[in-house]
Amino acid sequence: MKLKRGLGFTLIELLIVLVILGLLASLVAPKMFSKVDSSKVKTAETQLKLLETALDTYRLDVGKHPASLDELIKGTAKNWDGPYLPKEVPLDPWGNPYVYSAPGSDGKAFDLRSYGKDGKSGGEGDDADLVL
């Protein structure tokens, strides 16, 4: 009785393909992950602008900026015509709350910021603060 040799790949051929795929992934992955970080920065900038618009609308209705961002969702002030955001106040893309204070520094009406990837004041690159 003769054994038929099956058509297929040998173990060596499969290992070679896996090594090639691993090398390709090691070249492509760093570029893809750097895009994820830059997209988080752009998302945070967009959310800061959205919050600024909601804060300005609140000020137009009530006459002053809210004491906290939560007042954009549930307010008790006279002439409050909210909610000023479609959902709860969002976290920044790194999962941290936005930092809001009214009145702001340097004579500004309010300060609004995200501490970036590290969640701490200061930093550089992806850890840099995003300030409105």
Protein backbone atom coordinates (compact mmCIF):
# COMPACT_ATOMS: atom_id res chain seq x y z
CA MET A 1 0.00 0.00 0.00
CA LYS A 2 1.38 3.35 -1.04
CA LEU A 3 0.91 6.44 1.08
CA LYS A 4 -0.18 9.48 -0.88
CA ARG A 5 1.77 12.59 -0.19
CA GLY A 6 -0.77 15.30 0.66
CA LEU A 7 -0.71 18.67 -0.99
CA GLY A 8 -0.03 21.39 1.54
CA PHE A 9 2.62 23.41 3.28
CA THR A 10 5.45 22.04 5.33
CA LEU A 11 6.19 23.29 8.82
CA ILE A 12 9.30 25.12 7.57
CA GLU A 13 7.28 26.98 4.94
CA LEU A 14 4.72 28.07 7.53
CA LEU A 15 7.45 29.27 9.89
CA ILE A 16 9.06 31.32 7.12
CA VAL A 17 5.72 32.99 6.34
CA LEU A 18 5.18 33.78 10.05
CA VAL A 19 8.66 35.34 10.31
CA ILE A 20 7.99 37.50 7.24
CA LEU A 21 4.63 38.62 8.64
CA GLY A 22 6.28 39.43 11.97
CA LEU A 23 8.92 41.57 10.27
CA LEU A 24 6.28 43.44 8.28
CA ALA A 25 4.23 44.05 11.42
CA SER A 26 7.27 45.43 13.25
CA LEU A 27 7.78 47.95 10.45
CA VAL A 28 4.14 49.03 10.13
CA ALA A 29 2.99 49.02 13.78
CA PRO A 30 5.03 52.04 15.02
CA LYS A 31 3.65 54.23 12.22
CA MET A 32 0.08 53.15 12.96
CA PHE A 33 0.38 53.76 16.72
CA SER A 34 1.83 57.24 16.19
CA LYS A 35 -1.32 58.10 14.22
CA VAL A 36 -3.46 56.97 17.16
CA ASP A 37 -1.71 59.44 19.48
CA SER A 38 -2.03 62.36 17.05
CA SER A 39 -5.71 61.59 16.51
CA LYS A 40 -6.29 61.72 20.29
CA VAL A 41 -4.75 65.21 20.38
CA LYS A 42 -7.06 66.34 17.56
CA THR A 43 -10.06 64.79 19.35
CA ALA A 44 -9.18 66.67 22.56
CA GLU A 45 -8.84 69.95 20.63
CA THR A 46 -12.26 69.40 19.05
CA GLN A 47 -13.86 68.57 22.40
CA LEU A 48 -12.33 71.71 23.94
CA LYS A 49 -13.93 73.81 21.19
CA LEU A 50 -17.28 72.06 21.73
CA LEU A 51 -17.11 72.80 25.45
CA GLU A 52 -16.16 76.42 24.73
CA THR A 53 -19.24 76.82 22.55
CA ALA A 54 -21.46 75.31 25.25
CA LEU A 55 -19.90 77.59 27.90
CA ASP A 56 -20.46 80.68 25.76
CA THR A 57 -24.08 79.70 25.08
CA TYR A 58 -24.61 79.21 28.82
CA ARG A 59 -23.14 82.67 29.46
CA LEU A 60 -25.46 84.24 26.89
CA ASP A 61 -28.50 82.67 28.56
CA VAL A 62 -27.57 83.04 32.23
CA GLY A 63 -25.30 86.09 32.18
CA LYS A 64 -22.19 84.44 33.59
CA HIS A 65 -20.13 81.30 33.08
CA PRO A 66 -21.00 78.25 35.17
CA ALA A 67 -19.06 77.33 38.30
CA SER A 68 -18.51 73.81 36.95
CA LEU A 69 -18.93 71.93 33.68
CA ASP A 70 -21.73 69.86 35.23
CA GLU A 71 -23.97 72.95 35.15
CA LEU A 72 -24.01 72.60 31.36
CA ILE A 73 -26.10 69.45 31.79
CA LYS A 74 -28.17 70.24 34.88
CA GLY A 75 -28.56 73.82 35.95
CA THR A 76 -30.68 75.73 38.39
CA ALA A 77 -29.67 79.26 37.43
CA LYS A 78 -32.27 81.76 36.34
CA ASN A 79 -32.75 81.77 32.52
CA TRP A 80 -30.99 78.38 32.22
CA ASP A 81 -32.11 76.97 28.86
CA GLY A 82 -30.07 73.77 28.67
CA PRO A 83 -28.84 71.21 28.52
CA TYR A 84 -25.99 72.74 26.56
CA LEU A 85 -24.36 69.41 25.73
CA PRO A 86 -26.09 66.45 24.08
CA LYS A 87 -24.70 63.97 26.65
CA GLU A 88 -22.69 64.02 29.85
CA VAL A 89 -19.54 66.12 29.98
CA PRO A 90 -16.99 64.04 28.05
CA LEU A 91 -13.68 62.84 29.41
CA ASP A 92 -10.62 63.69 27.38
CA PRO A 93 -9.39 60.99 24.96
CA TRP A 94 -7.04 59.62 27.64
CA GLY A 95 -9.89 59.09 30.11
CA ASN A 96 -9.24 62.12 32.33
CA PRO A 97 -11.72 64.92 33.11
CA TYR A 98 -11.20 68.32 31.53
CA VAL A 99 -9.98 70.95 33.98
CA TYR A 100 -12.25 74.00 34.13
CA SER A 101 -12.06 77.11 36.27
CA ALA A 102 -14.05 80.32 36.17
CA PRO A 103 -12.90 83.00 36.33
CA GLY A 104 -9.76 82.12 34.44
CA SER A 105 -6.21 83.31 34.74
CA ASP A 106 -4.81 86.45 33.10
CA GLY A 107 -8.21 88.16 33.07
CA LYS A 108 -9.88 85.49 30.93
CA ALA A 109 -13.48 84.55 31.61
CA PHE A 110 -12.54 80.89 32.10
CA ASP A 111 -9.72 78.37 31.71
CA LEU A 112 -10.33 75.02 30.07
CA ARG A 113 -7.62 72.41 29.59
CA SER A 114 -6.66 68.78 29.20
CA TYR A 115 -3.46 67.62 30.83
CA GLY A 116 -2.69 65.31 27.90
CA LYS A 117 -1.65 61.69 27.88
CA ASP A 118 0.10 61.69 31.27
CA GLY A 119 -2.80 63.40 33.07
CA LYS A 120 -0.39 65.79 34.82
CA SER A 121 0.24 69.49 34.42
CA GLY A 122 3.08 70.30 32.03
CA GLY A 123 4.87 67.87 29.78
CA GLU A 124 5.98 67.69 26.17
CA GLY A 125 4.78 65.92 23.05
CA ASP A 126 1.70 63.77 23.74
CA ASP A 127 2.02 64.63 27.46
CA ALA A 128 1.71 68.39 26.79
CA ASP A 129 -1.27 70.28 28.15
CA LEU A 130 -3.95 71.34 25.68
CA VAL A 131 -5.23 74.76 26.70
CA LEU A 132 -8.15 76.65 25.23
